[in-house]
Amino acid sequence: VRDLRPQSAAAIGAEGKHLRMEVGTRTQ
């Protein structure tokens, strides 16, 4: 998917090693 900006992002896991994002639109 091109030109995507995540709605939110957070470091997760031990010592914040991994990245979790919410992508898409507000409704989907």
mmCIF file of all heavy atoms, coordinates in Angstrom:
data_MODEL
# 
_entry.id   MODEL 
# 
loop_
_atom_site.group_PDB 
_atom_site.id 
_atom_site.type_symbol 
_atom_site.label_atom_id 
_atom_site.label_alt_id 
_atom_site.label_comp_id 
_atom_site.label_asym_id 
_atom_site.label_entity_id 
_atom_site.label_seq_id 
_atom_site.pdbx_PDB_ins_code 
_atom_site.Cartn_x 
_atom_site.Cartn_y 
_atom_site.Cartn_z 
_atom_site.occupancy 
_atom_site.B_iso_or_equiv 
_atom_site.pdbx_formal_charge 
_atom_site.auth_seq_id 
_atom_site.auth_comp_id 
_atom_site.auth_asym_id 
_atom_site.auth_atom_id 
_atom_site.pdbx_PDB_model_num 
ATOM 1   N N   . VAL A 1 1  ? 0.873   -1.170 0.000  1.00 0.00 ? 1  VAL A N   1 
ATOM 2   C CA  . VAL A 1 1  ? 0.000   0.000  0.000  1.00 0.00 ? 1  VAL A CA  1 
ATOM 3   C C   . VAL A 1 1  ? 0.911   1.221  0.000  1.00 0.00 ? 1  VAL A C   1 
ATOM 4   O O   . VAL A 1 1  ? 1.901   1.270  0.722  1.00 0.00 ? 1  VAL A O   1 
ATOM 5   C CB  . VAL A 1 1  ? -0.962  0.003  1.216  1.00 0.00 ? 1  VAL A CB  1 
ATOM 6   C CG1 . VAL A 1 1  ? -0.201  -0.030 2.536  1.00 0.00 ? 1  VAL A CG1 1 
ATOM 7   C CG2 . VAL A 1 1  ? -1.891  1.217  1.166  1.00 0.00 ? 1  VAL A CG2 1 
ATOM 8   N N   . ARG A 1 2  ? 0.594   2.188  -0.819 1.00 0.00 ? 2  ARG A N   1 
ATOM 9   C CA  . ARG A 1 2  ? 1.457   3.355  -0.971 1.00 0.00 ? 2  ARG A CA  1 
ATOM 10  C C   . ARG A 1 2  ? 0.909   4.562  -0.212 1.00 0.00 ? 2  ARG A C   1 
ATOM 11  O O   . ARG A 1 2  ? -0.300  4.687  -0.006 1.00 0.00 ? 2  ARG A O   1 
ATOM 12  C CB  . ARG A 1 2  ? 1.617   3.701  -2.457 1.00 0.00 ? 2  ARG A CB  1 
ATOM 13  C CG  . ARG A 1 2  ? 2.285   2.602  -3.282 1.00 0.00 ? 2  ARG A CG  1 
ATOM 14  C CD  . ARG A 1 2  ? 2.711   3.130  -4.637 1.00 0.00 ? 2  ARG A CD  1 
ATOM 15  N NE  . ARG A 1 2  ? 3.216   2.098  -5.525 1.00 0.00 ? 2  ARG A NE  1 
ATOM 16  C CZ  . ARG A 1 2  ? 4.441   1.614  -5.514 1.00 0.00 ? 2  ARG A CZ  1 
ATOM 17  N NH1 . ARG A 1 2  ? 5.313   2.064  -4.614 1.00 0.00 ? 2  ARG A NH1 1 
ATOM 18  N NH2 . ARG A 1 2  ? 4.816   0.682  -6.375 1.00 0.00 ? 2  ARG A NH2 1 
ATOM 19  N N   . ASP A 1 3  ? 1.836   5.408  0.181  1.00 0.00 ? 3  ASP A N   1 
ATOM 20  C CA  . ASP A 1 3  ? 1.505   6.717  0.748  1.00 0.00 ? 3  ASP A CA  1 
ATOM 21  C C   . ASP A 1 3  ? 0.559   6.589  1.945  1.00 0.00 ? 3  ASP A C   1 
ATOM 22  O O   . ASP A 1 3  ? -0.440  7.305  2.042  1.00 0.00 ? 3  ASP A O   1 
ATOM 23  C CB  . ASP A 1 3  ? 0.879   7.600  -0.345 1.00 0.00 ? 3  ASP A CB  1 
ATOM 24  C CG  . ASP A 1 3  ? 1.112   9.077  -0.076 1.00 0.00 ? 3  ASP A CG  1 
ATOM 25  O OD1 . ASP A 1 3  ? 1.879   9.408  0.844  1.00 0.00 ? 3  ASP A OD1 1 
ATOM 26  O OD2 . ASP A 1 3  ? 0.506   9.907  -0.777 1.00 0.00 ? 3  ASP A OD2 1 
ATOM 27  N N   . LEU A 1 4  ? 0.897   5.705  2.861  1.00 0.00 ? 4  LEU A N   1 
ATOM 28  C CA  . LEU A 1 4  ? 0.049   5.441  4.023  1.00 0.00 ? 4  LEU A CA  1 
ATOM 29  C C   . LEU A 1 4  ? 0.656   6.096  5.255  1.00 0.00 ? 4  LEU A C   1 
ATOM 30  O O   . LEU A 1 4  ? 1.863   5.983  5.511  1.00 0.00 ? 4  LEU A O   1 
ATOM 31  C CB  . LEU A 1 4  ? -0.078  3.930  4.242  1.00 0.00 ? 4  LEU A CB  1 
ATOM 32  C CG  . LEU A 1 4  ? -0.891  3.481  5.448  1.00 0.00 ? 4  LEU A CG  1 
ATOM 33  C CD1 . LEU A 1 4  ? -2.372  3.801  5.240  1.00 0.00 ? 4  LEU A CD1 1 
ATOM 34  C CD2 . LEU A 1 4  ? -0.725  1.979  5.683  1.00 0.00 ? 4  LEU A CD2 1 
ATOM 35  N N   . ARG A 1 5  ? -0.188  6.745  6.036  1.00 0.00 ? 5  ARG A N   1 
ATOM 36  C CA  . ARG A 1 5  ? 0.240   7.325  7.310  1.00 0.00 ? 5  ARG A CA  1 
ATOM 37  C C   . ARG A 1 5  ? -0.595  6.689  8.419  1.00 0.00 ? 5  ARG A C   1 
ATOM 38  O O   . ARG A 1 5  ? -1.821  6.864  8.449  1.00 0.00 ? 5  ARG A O   1 
ATOM 39  C CB  . ARG A 1 5  ? 0.063   8.837  7.317  1.00 0.00 ? 5  ARG A CB  1 
ATOM 40  C CG  . ARG A 1 5  ? 0.755   9.542  8.498  1.00 0.00 ? 5  ARG A CG  1 
ATOM 41  C CD  . ARG A 1 5  ? 0.355   11.009 8.527  1.00 0.00 ? 5  ARG A CD  1 
ATOM 42  N NE  . ARG A 1 5  ? 0.762   11.726 7.331  1.00 0.00 ? 5  ARG A NE  1 
ATOM 43  C CZ  . ARG A 1 5  ? 1.907   12.387 7.226  1.00 0.00 ? 5  ARG A CZ  1 
ATOM 44  N NH1 . ARG A 1 5  ? 2.742   12.416 8.249  1.00 0.00 ? 5  ARG A NH1 1 
ATOM 45  N NH2 . ARG A 1 5  ? 2.210   13.023 6.105  1.00 0.00 ? 5  ARG A NH2 1 
ATOM 46  N N   . PRO A 1 6  ? 0.018   5.937  9.334  1.00 0.00 ? 6  PRO A N   1 
ATOM 47  C CA  . PRO A 1 6  ? -0.756  5.291  10.397 1.00 0.00 ? 6  PRO A CA  1 
ATOM 48  C C   . PRO A 1 6  ? -1.497  6.314  11.251 1.00 0.00 ? 6  PRO A C   1 
ATOM 49  O O   . PRO A 1 6  ? -1.017  7.440  11.452 1.00 0.00 ? 6  PRO A O   1 
ATOM 50  C CB  . PRO A 1 6  ? 0.308   4.561  11.218 1.00 0.00 ? 6  PRO A CB  1 
ATOM 51  C CG  . PRO A 1 6  ? 1.459   4.385  10.286 1.00 0.00 ? 6  PRO A CG  1 
ATOM 52  C CD  . PRO A 1 6  ? 1.446   5.586  9.397  1.00 0.00 ? 6  PRO A CD  1 
ATOM 53  N N   . GLN A 1 7  ? -2.661  5.904  11.759 1.00 0.00 ? 7  GLN A N   1 
ATOM 54  C CA  . GLN A 1 7  ? -3.410  6.774  12.662 1.00 0.00 ? 7  GLN A CA  1 
ATOM 55  C C   . GLN A 1 7  ? -2.722  6.882  14.014 1.00 0.00 ? 7  GLN A C   1 
ATOM 56  O O   . GLN A 1 7  ? -2.747  7.926  14.653 1.00 0.00 ? 7  GLN A O   1 
ATOM 57  C CB  . GLN A 1 7  ? -4.832  6.231  12.847 1.00 0.00 ? 7  GLN A CB  1 
ATOM 58  C CG  . GLN A 1 7  ? -5.658  6.251  11.576 1.00 0.00 ? 7  GLN A CG  1 
ATOM 59  C CD  . GLN A 1 7  ? -7.010  5.609  11.797 1.00 0.00 ? 7  GLN A CD  1 
ATOM 60  O OE1 . GLN A 1 7  ? -7.115  4.593  12.487 1.00 0.00 ? 7  GLN A OE1 1 
ATOM 61  N NE2 . GLN A 1 7  ? -8.045  6.194  11.234 1.00 0.00 ? 7  GLN A NE2 1 
ATOM 62  N N   . SER A 1 8  ? -2.117  5.779  14.441 1.00 0.00 ? 8  SER A N   1 
ATOM 63  C CA  . SER A 1 8  ? -1.423  5.783  15.726 1.00 0.00 ? 8  SER A CA  1 
ATOM 64  C C   . SER A 1 8  ? -0.337  4.724  15.686 1.00 0.00 ? 8  SER A C   1 
ATOM 65  O O   . SER A 1 8  ? -0.370  3.807  14.864 1.00 0.00 ? 8  SER A O   1 
ATOM 66  C CB  . SER A 1 8  ? -2.393  5.498  16.882 1.00 0.00 ? 8  SER A CB  1 
ATOM 67  O OG  . SER A 1 8  ? -2.951  4.189  16.749 1.00 0.00 ? 8  SER A OG  1 
ATOM 68  N N   . ALA A 1 9  ? 0.621   4.861  16.580 1.00 0.00 ? 9  ALA A N   1 
ATOM 69  C CA  . ALA A 1 9  ? 1.716   3.894  16.657 1.00 0.00 ? 9  ALA A CA  1 
ATOM 70  C C   . ALA A 1 9  ? 2.237   3.854  18.084 1.00 0.00 ? 9  ALA A C   1 
ATOM 71  O O   . ALA A 1 9  ? 2.271   4.876  18.772 1.00 0.00 ? 9  ALA A O   1 
ATOM 72  C CB  . ALA A 1 9  ? 2.838   4.268  15.689 1.00 0.00 ? 9  ALA A CB  1 
ATOM 73  N N   . ALA A 1 10 ? 2.657   2.658  18.508 1.00 0.00 ? 10 ALA A N   1 
ATOM 74  C CA  . ALA A 1 10 ? 3.191   2.503  19.857 1.00 0.00 ? 10 ALA A CA  1 
ATOM 75  C C   . ALA A 1 10 ? 4.206   1.377  19.873 1.00 0.00 ? 10 ALA A C   1 
ATOM 76  O O   . ALA A 1 10 ? 4.048   0.366  19.180 1.00 0.00 ? 10 ALA A O   1 
ATOM 77  C CB  . ALA A 1 10 ? 2.066   2.212  20.853 1.00 0.00 ? 10 ALA A CB  1 
ATOM 78  N N   . ALA A 1 11 ? 5.249   1.549  20.668 1.00 0.00 ? 11 ALA A N   1 
ATOM 79  C CA  . ALA A 1 11 ? 6.228   0.489  20.880 1.00 0.00 ? 11 ALA A CA  1 
ATOM 80  C C   . ALA A 1 11 ? 5.655   -0.504 21.877 1.00 0.00 ? 11 ALA A C   1 
ATOM 81  O O   . ALA A 1 11 ? 5.105   -0.121 22.910 1.00 0.00 ? 11 ALA A O   1 
ATOM 82  C CB  . ALA A 1 11 ? 7.536   1.076  21.400 1.00 0.00 ? 11 ALA A CB  1 
ATOM 83  N N   . ILE A 1 12 ? 5.755   -1.800 21.566 1.00 0.00 ? 12 ILE A N   1 
ATOM 84  C CA  . ILE A 1 12 ? 5.196   -2.831 22.439 1.00 0.00 ? 12 ILE A CA  1 
ATOM 85  C C   . ILE A 1 12 ? 6.246   -3.902 22.706 1.00 0.00 ? 12 ILE A C   1 
ATOM 86  O O   . ILE A 1 12 ? 7.306   -3.913 22.096 1.00 0.00 ? 12 ILE A O   1 
ATOM 87  C CB  . ILE A 1 12 ? 3.936   -3.477 21.814 1.00 0.00 ? 12 ILE A CB  1 
ATOM 88  C CG1 . ILE A 1 12 ? 4.301   -4.154 20.484 1.00 0.00 ? 12 ILE A CG1 1 
ATOM 89  C CG2 . ILE A 1 12 ? 2.834   -2.456 21.619 1.00 0.00 ? 12 ILE A CG2 1 
ATOM 90  C CD1 . ILE A 1 12 ? 3.179   -5.001 19.895 1.00 0.00 ? 12 ILE A CD1 1 
ATOM 91  N N   . GLY A 1 13 ? 5.920   -4.816 23.616 1.00 0.00 ? 13 GLY A N   1 
ATOM 92  C CA  . GLY A 1 13 ? 6.814   -5.931 23.906 1.00 0.00 ? 13 GLY A CA  1 
ATOM 93  C C   . GLY A 1 13 ? 7.903   -5.538 24.878 1.00 0.00 ? 13 GLY A C   1 
ATOM 94  O O   . GLY A 1 13 ? 7.968   -4.401 25.374 1.00 0.00 ? 13 GLY A O   1 
ATOM 95  N N   . ALA A 1 14 ? 8.771   -6.506 25.163 1.00 0.00 ? 14 ALA A N   1 
ATOM 96  C CA  . ALA A 1 14 ? 9.867   -6.281 26.099 1.00 0.00 ? 14 ALA A CA  1 
ATOM 97  C C   . ALA A 1 14 ? 10.745  -5.137 25.603 1.00 0.00 ? 14 ALA A C   1 
ATOM 98  O O   . ALA A 1 14 ? 11.210  -5.154 24.464 1.00 0.00 ? 14 ALA A O   1 
ATOM 99  C CB  . ALA A 1 14 ? 10.693  -7.559 26.253 1.00 0.00 ? 14 ALA A CB  1 
ATOM 100 N N   . GLU A 1 15 ? 10.935  -4.147 26.435 1.00 0.00 ? 15 GLU A N   1 
ATOM 101 C CA  . GLU A 1 15 ? 11.779  -2.988 26.134 1.00 0.00 ? 15 GLU A CA  1 
ATOM 102 C C   . GLU A 1 15 ? 11.316  -2.236 24.888 1.00 0.00 ? 15 GLU A C   1 
ATOM 103 O O   . GLU A 1 15 ? 12.115  -1.577 24.220 1.00 0.00 ? 15 GLU A O   1 
ATOM 104 C CB  . GLU A 1 15 ? 13.248  -3.411 25.978 1.00 0.00 ? 15 GLU A CB  1 
ATOM 105 C CG  . GLU A 1 15 ? 13.805  -4.121 27.207 1.00 0.00 ? 15 GLU A CG  1 
ATOM 106 C CD  . GLU A 1 15 ? 15.223  -4.607 27.010 1.00 0.00 ? 15 GLU A CD  1 
ATOM 107 O OE1 . GLU A 1 15 ? 15.725  -4.539 25.867 1.00 0.00 ? 15 GLU A OE1 1 
ATOM 108 O OE2 . GLU A 1 15 ? 15.837  -5.044 27.985 1.00 0.00 ? 15 GLU A OE2 1 
ATOM 109 N N   . GLY A 1 16 ? 10.016  -2.335 24.575 1.00 0.00 ? 16 GLY A N   1 
ATOM 110 C CA  . GLY A 1 16 ? 9.486   -1.607 23.426 1.00 0.00 ? 16 GLY A CA  1 
ATOM 111 C C   . GLY A 1 16 ? 10.117  -2.001 22.123 1.00 0.00 ? 16 GLY A C   1 
ATOM 112 O O   . GLY A 1 16 ? 10.308  -1.166 21.225 1.00 0.00 ? 16 GLY A O   1 
ATOM 113 N N   . LYS A 1 17 ? 10.408  -3.295 21.967 1.00 0.00 ? 17 LYS A N   1 
ATOM 114 C CA  . LYS A 1 17 ? 11.164  -3.762 20.808 1.00 0.00 ? 17 LYS A CA  1 
ATOM 115 C C   . LYS A 1 17 ? 10.349  -3.757 19.520 1.00 0.00 ? 17 LYS A C   1 
ATOM 116 O O   . LYS A 1 17 ? 10.896  -3.588 18.424 1.00 0.00 ? 17 LYS A O   1 
ATOM 117 C CB  . LYS A 1 17 ? 11.683  -5.171 21.092 1.00 0.00 ? 17 LYS A CB  1 
ATOM 118 C CG  . LYS A 1 17 ? 12.656  -5.706 20.062 1.00 0.00 ? 17 LYS A CG  1 
ATOM 119 C CD  . LYS A 1 17 ? 13.196  -7.064 20.493 1.00 0.00 ? 17 LYS A CD  1 
ATOM 120 C CE  . LYS A 1 17 ? 14.216  -7.590 19.493 1.00 0.00 ? 17 LYS A CE  1 
ATOM 121 N NZ  . LYS A 1 17 ? 14.747  -8.915 19.893 1.00 0.00 ? 17 LYS A NZ  1 
ATOM 122 N N   . HIS A 1 18 ? 9.042   -3.946 19.619 1.00 0.00 ? 18 HIS A N   1 
ATOM 123 C CA  . HIS A 1 18 ? 8.208   -4.096 18.427 1.00 0.00 ? 18 HIS A CA  1 
ATOM 124 C C   . HIS A 1 18 ? 7.273   -2.899 18.253 1.00 0.00 ? 18 HIS A C   1 
ATOM 125 O O   . HIS A 1 18 ? 7.084   -2.095 19.166 1.00 0.00 ? 18 HIS A O   1 
ATOM 126 C CB  . HIS A 1 18 ? 7.414   -5.399 18.512 1.00 0.00 ? 18 HIS A CB  1 
ATOM 127 C CG  . HIS A 1 18 ? 8.255   -6.597 18.822 1.00 0.00 ? 18 HIS A CG  1 
ATOM 128 N ND1 . HIS A 1 18 ? 9.293   -6.992 18.009 1.00 0.00 ? 18 HIS A ND1 1 
ATOM 129 C CD2 . HIS A 1 18 ? 8.241   -7.474 19.866 1.00 0.00 ? 18 HIS A CD2 1 
ATOM 130 C CE1 . HIS A 1 18 ? 9.871   -8.067 18.531 1.00 0.00 ? 18 HIS A CE1 1 
ATOM 131 N NE2 . HIS A 1 18 ? 9.264   -8.371 19.646 1.00 0.00 ? 18 HIS A NE2 1 
ATOM 132 N N   . LEU A 1 19 ? 6.677   -2.801 17.073 1.00 0.00 ? 19 LEU A N   1 
ATOM 133 C CA  . LEU A 1 19 ? 5.836   -1.659 16.724 1.00 0.00 ? 19 LEU A CA  1 
ATOM 134 C C   . LEU A 1 19 ? 4.425   -2.135 16.399 1.00 0.00 ? 19 LEU A C   1 
ATOM 135 O O   . LEU A 1 19 ? 4.243   -3.057 15.603 1.00 0.00 ? 19 LEU A O   1 
ATOM 136 C CB  . LEU A 1 19 ? 6.434   -0.931 15.515 1.00 0.00 ? 19 LEU A CB  1 
ATOM 137 C CG  . LEU A 1 19 ? 5.690   0.307  15.001 1.00 0.00 ? 19 LEU A CG  1 
ATOM 138 C CD1 . LEU A 1 19 ? 5.708   1.419  16.035 1.00 0.00 ? 19 LEU A CD1 1 
ATOM 139 C CD2 . LEU A 1 19 ? 6.315   0.792  13.689 1.00 0.00 ? 19 LEU A CD2 1 
ATOM 140 N N   . ARG A 1 20 ? 3.443   -1.487 17.022 1.00 0.00 ? 20 ARG A N   1 
ATOM 141 C CA  . ARG A 1 20 ? 2.037   -1.753 16.713 1.00 0.00 ? 20 ARG A CA  1 
ATOM 142 C C   . ARG A 1 20 ? 1.408   -0.465 16.206 1.00 0.00 ? 20 ARG A C   1 
ATOM 143 O O   . ARG A 1 20 ? 1.549   0.591  16.829 1.00 0.00 ? 20 ARG A O   1 
ATOM 144 C CB  . ARG A 1 20 ? 1.271   -2.239 17.940 1.00 0.00 ? 20 ARG A CB  1 
ATOM 145 C CG  . ARG A 1 20 ? -0.166  -2.679 17.622 1.00 0.00 ? 20 ARG A CG  1 
ATOM 146 C CD  . ARG A 1 20 ? -0.927  -3.068 18.871 1.00 0.00 ? 20 ARG A CD  1 
ATOM 147 N NE  . ARG A 1 20 ? -2.174  -3.729 18.564 1.00 0.00 ? 20 ARG A NE  1 
ATOM 148 C CZ  . ARG A 1 20 ? -3.313  -3.122 18.209 1.00 0.00 ? 20 ARG A CZ  1 
ATOM 149 N NH1 . ARG A 1 20 ? -3.344  -1.796 18.114 1.00 0.00 ? 20 ARG A NH1 1 
ATOM 150 N NH2 . ARG A 1 20 ? -4.397  -3.821 17.945 1.00 0.00 ? 20 ARG A NH2 1 
ATOM 151 N N   . MET A 1 21 ? 0.729   -0.576 15.066 1.00 0.00 ? 21 MET A N   1 
ATOM 152 C CA  . MET A 1 21 ? 0.105   0.596  14.452 1.00 0.00 ? 21 MET A CA  1 
ATOM 153 C C   . MET A 1 21 ? -1.357  0.310  14.153 1.00 0.00 ? 21 MET A C   1 
ATOM 154 O O   . MET A 1 21 ? -1.761  -0.843 14.012 1.00 0.00 ? 21 MET A O   1 
ATOM 155 C CB  . MET A 1 21 ? 0.825   0.951  13.145 1.00 0.00 ? 21 MET A CB  1 
ATOM 156 C CG  . MET A 1 21 ? 2.287   1.299  13.290 1.00 0.00 ? 21 MET A CG  1 
ATOM 157 S SD  . MET A 1 21 ? 3.165   1.313  11.693 1.00 0.00 ? 21 MET A SD  1 
ATOM 158 C CE  . MET A 1 21 ? 3.354   -0.452 11.399 1.00 0.00 ? 21 MET A CE  1 
ATOM 159 N N   . GLU A 1 22 ? -2.131  1.380  14.072 1.00 0.00 ? 22 GLU A N   1 
ATOM 160 C CA  . GLU A 1 22 ? -3.484  1.304  13.538 1.00 0.00 ? 22 GLU A CA  1 
ATOM 161 C C   . GLU A 1 22 ? -3.460  1.988  12.180 1.00 0.00 ? 22 GLU A C   1 
ATOM 162 O O   . GLU A 1 22 ? -3.051  3.151  12.057 1.00 0.00 ? 22 GLU A O   1 
ATOM 163 C CB  . GLU A 1 22 ? -4.482  2.008  14.460 1.00 0.00 ? 22 GLU A CB  1 
ATOM 164 C CG  . GLU A 1 22 ? -4.674  1.331  15.802 1.00 0.00 ? 22 GLU A CG  1 
ATOM 165 C CD  . GLU A 1 22 ? -5.416  0.004  15.693 1.00 0.00 ? 22 GLU A CD  1 
ATOM 166 O OE1 . GLU A 1 22 ? -6.243  -0.130 14.762 1.00 0.00 ? 22 GLU A OE1 1 
ATOM 167 O OE2 . GLU A 1 22 ? -5.163  -0.885 16.530 1.00 0.00 ? 22 GLU A OE2 1 
ATOM 168 N N   . VAL A 1 23 ? -3.854  1.246  11.142 1.00 0.00 ? 23 VAL A N   1 
ATOM 169 C CA  . VAL A 1 23 ? -3.820  1.798  9.787  1.00 0.00 ? 23 VAL A CA  1 
ATOM 170 C C   . VAL A 1 23 ? -5.207  1.679  9.157  1.00 0.00 ? 23 VAL A C   1 
ATOM 171 O O   . VAL A 1 23 ? -5.979  0.785  9.488  1.00 0.00 ? 23 VAL A O   1 
ATOM 172 C CB  . VAL A 1 23 ? -2.779  1.076  8.904  1.00 0.00 ? 23 VAL A CB  1 
ATOM 173 C CG1 . VAL A 1 23 ? -1.388  1.260  9.469  1.00 0.00 ? 23 VAL A CG1 1 
ATOM 174 C CG2 . VAL A 1 23 ? -3.101  -0.412 8.775  1.00 0.00 ? 23 VAL A CG2 1 
ATOM 175 N N   . GLY A 1 24 ? -5.513  2.597  8.261  1.00 0.00 ? 24 GLY A N   1 
ATOM 176 C CA  . GLY A 1 24 ? -6.814  2.601  7.602  1.00 0.00 ? 24 GLY A CA  1 
ATOM 177 C C   . GLY A 1 24 ? -7.484  3.942  7.771  1.00 0.00 ? 24 GLY A C   1 
ATOM 178 O O   . GLY A 1 24 ? -6.828  4.993  7.790  1.00 0.00 ? 24 GLY A O   1 
ATOM 179 N N   . THR A 1 25 ? -8.794  3.918  7.921  1.00 0.00 ? 25 THR A N   1 
ATOM 180 C CA  . THR A 1 25 ? -9.560  5.145  8.143  1.00 0.00 ? 25 THR A CA  1 
ATOM 181 C C   . THR A 1 25 ? -10.123 5.128  9.553  1.00 0.00 ? 25 THR A C   1 
ATOM 182 O O   . THR A 1 25 ? -10.014 4.128  10.275 1.00 0.00 ? 25 THR A O   1 
ATOM 183 C CB  . THR A 1 25 ? -10.706 5.255  7.131  1.00 0.00 ? 25 THR A CB  1 
ATOM 184 O OG1 . THR A 1 25 ? -11.643 4.182  7.372  1.00 0.00 ? 25 THR A OG1 1 
ATOM 185 C CG2 . THR A 1 25 ? -10.196 5.150  5.696  1.00 0.00 ? 25 THR A CG2 1 
ATOM 186 N N   . ARG A 1 26 ? -10.726 6.220  9.960  1.00 0.00 ? 26 ARG A N   1 
ATOM 187 C CA  . ARG A 1 26 ? -11.300 6.281  11.311 1.00 0.00 ? 26 ARG A CA  1 
ATOM 188 C C   . ARG A 1 26 ? -12.405 5.262  11.502 1.00 0.00 ? 26 ARG A C   1 
ATOM 189 O O   . ARG A 1 26 ? -12.606 4.731  12.581 1.00 0.00 ? 26 ARG A O   1 
ATOM 190 C CB  . ARG A 1 26 ? -11.838 7.682  11.588 1.00 0.00 ? 26 ARG A CB  1 
ATOM 191 C CG  . ARG A 1 26 ? -10.740 8.731  11.764 1.00 0.00 ? 26 ARG A CG  1 
ATOM 192 C CD  . ARG A 1 26 ? -11.339 10.064 12.172 1.00 0.00 ? 26 ARG A CD  1 
ATOM 193 N NE  . ARG A 1 26 ? -10.298 11.053 12.412 1.00 0.00 ? 26 ARG A NE  1 
ATOM 194 C CZ  . ARG A 1 26 ? -10.542 12.304 12.798 1.00 0.00 ? 26 ARG A CZ  1 
ATOM 195 N NH1 . ARG A 1 26 ? -11.802 12.706 12.953 1.00 0.00 ? 26 ARG A NH1 1 
ATOM 196 N NH2 . ARG A 1 26 ? -9.538  13.140 12.996 1.00 0.00 ? 26 ARG A NH2 1 
ATOM 197 N N   . THR A 1 27 ? -13.129 4.979  10.434 1.00 0.00 ? 27 THR A N   1 
ATOM 198 C CA  . THR A 1 27 ? -14.263 4.057  10.549 1.00 0.00 ? 27 THR A CA  1 
ATOM 199 C C   . THR A 1 27 ? -13.894 2.617  10.213 1.00 0.00 ? 27 THR A C   1 
ATOM 200 O O   . THR A 1 27 ? -14.601 1.700  10.585 1.00 0.00 ? 27 THR A O   1 
ATOM 201 C CB  . THR A 1 27 ? -15.405 4.506  9.628  1.00 0.00 ? 27 THR A CB  1 
ATOM 202 O OG1 . THR A 1 27 ? -14.919 4.567  8.279  1.00 0.00 ? 27 THR A OG1 1 
ATOM 203 C CG2 . THR A 1 27 ? -15.912 5.878  10.054 1.00 0.00 ? 27 THR A CG2 1 
ATOM 204 N N   . GLN A 1 28 ? -12.794 2.438  9.493  1.00 0.00 ? 28 GLN A N   1 
ATOM 205 C CA  . GLN A 1 28 ? -12.401 1.084  9.095  1.00 0.00 ? 28 GLN A CA  1 
ATOM 206 C C   . GLN A 1 28 ? -10.877 0.990  9.163  1.00 0.00 ? 28 GLN A C   1 
ATOM 207 O O   . GLN A 1 28 ? -10.174 1.515  8.308  1.00 0.00 ? 28 GLN A O   1 
ATOM 208 C CB  . GLN A 1 28 ? -12.884 0.772  7.673  1.00 0.00 ? 28 GLN A CB  1 
ATOM 209 C CG  . GLN A 1 28 ? -12.698 -0.688 7.279  1.00 0.00 ? 28 GLN A CG  1 
ATOM 210 C CD  . GLN A 1 28 ? -13.333 -0.997 5.934  1.00 0.00 ? 28 GLN A CD  1 
ATOM 211 O OE1 . GLN A 1 28 ? -13.884 -0.119 5.286  1.00 0.00 ? 28 GLN A OE1 1 
ATOM 212 N NE2 . GLN A 1 28 ? -13.258 -2.249 5.518  1.00 0.00 ? 28 GLN A NE2 1 
# 
